[in-house]
């Protein structure tokens, strides 16, 4: 099994601890978050935050300034992701050996060294390394086998996209009209289409998109590129995970980092789409980013099941 590269085991990079803001609000009794029927206890998050405060000088400065909310939010995000990975791996029958986890940690320079300047300590670093290996294996299982069919159009901006996505979710019949009225490119081509089909074997990087992480009958709105002002609205009408392709597997050309991101995109669906409830003091669950957002107004995208009408 391939092992995780140094700093890849730190979710792509060392977690920045220079944050701002101050979290507050009502709490769920005893839980920072609940994934399905499994709770992430508040005291677990507090214990991990205490570890960060003890080992990271910058975090201690933030504590004095009452600016630890984003660190706490990151810890809750990691806890929720861990539960989703565990559920998905058990449902899929995927495991990784302790030897593989040890090798991954050692490649990163050892847990003590690699966890410096992050929200991890030696124990939680090993847990995260295991989760990332599982995500890679989940991605390997599906990256050549998926196909999504969807209608889509580009919107003027995020507010326009979310508003129109809500209208499509309430009445999927409106999608055709929005596609017809979609803006055009500089070459005069319509930025909208009905019945678009994308196969993961032909475009494996596209599996990172929310389009591959939702069930058929879901309306999504999101920026196709990070930081893009232009958003896309799509209605997923079909999603297959058993498409057979000939030729060499594309997984051999994909980096562990990309495979991890693909696995993360698929993990909530593979976990059985459990409900994720977040204690309001930490924010809200953002299924588009598969992480916590500070508030509903700061979500990175929109997802909703379309209302089903009798034909």
Foldseek 3Di string as FASTA:
>chain_A
DDAQAAQVLCVNHADAQPFFDAFDDFFDPQAQKQFFNDGHGPVVLVVLLVVCCVQPPSSVVCVVVNGCLVVSQVSVLVVNLLVLLVLLCVLVVHADDPVRLVVNQVNNVHQCVSCPNHSDHRVVSSSSSRSLVSLLVLLLLFLQFKKWWKWKAKDPFAVRQVVVLVVCLAPVVCSVVCQVVGDADPVGHGRTDHTDMDGSQVPVLCLLALRQADAQQKWKKACPDPPDRMIMIMHIHHMTRGHDDDDDGCSVVDDSSSSSSSSLSHRCVSSVVTDMGGTLSNAGQANRVSGGDNYPVGHRMDMDGHDDDDD
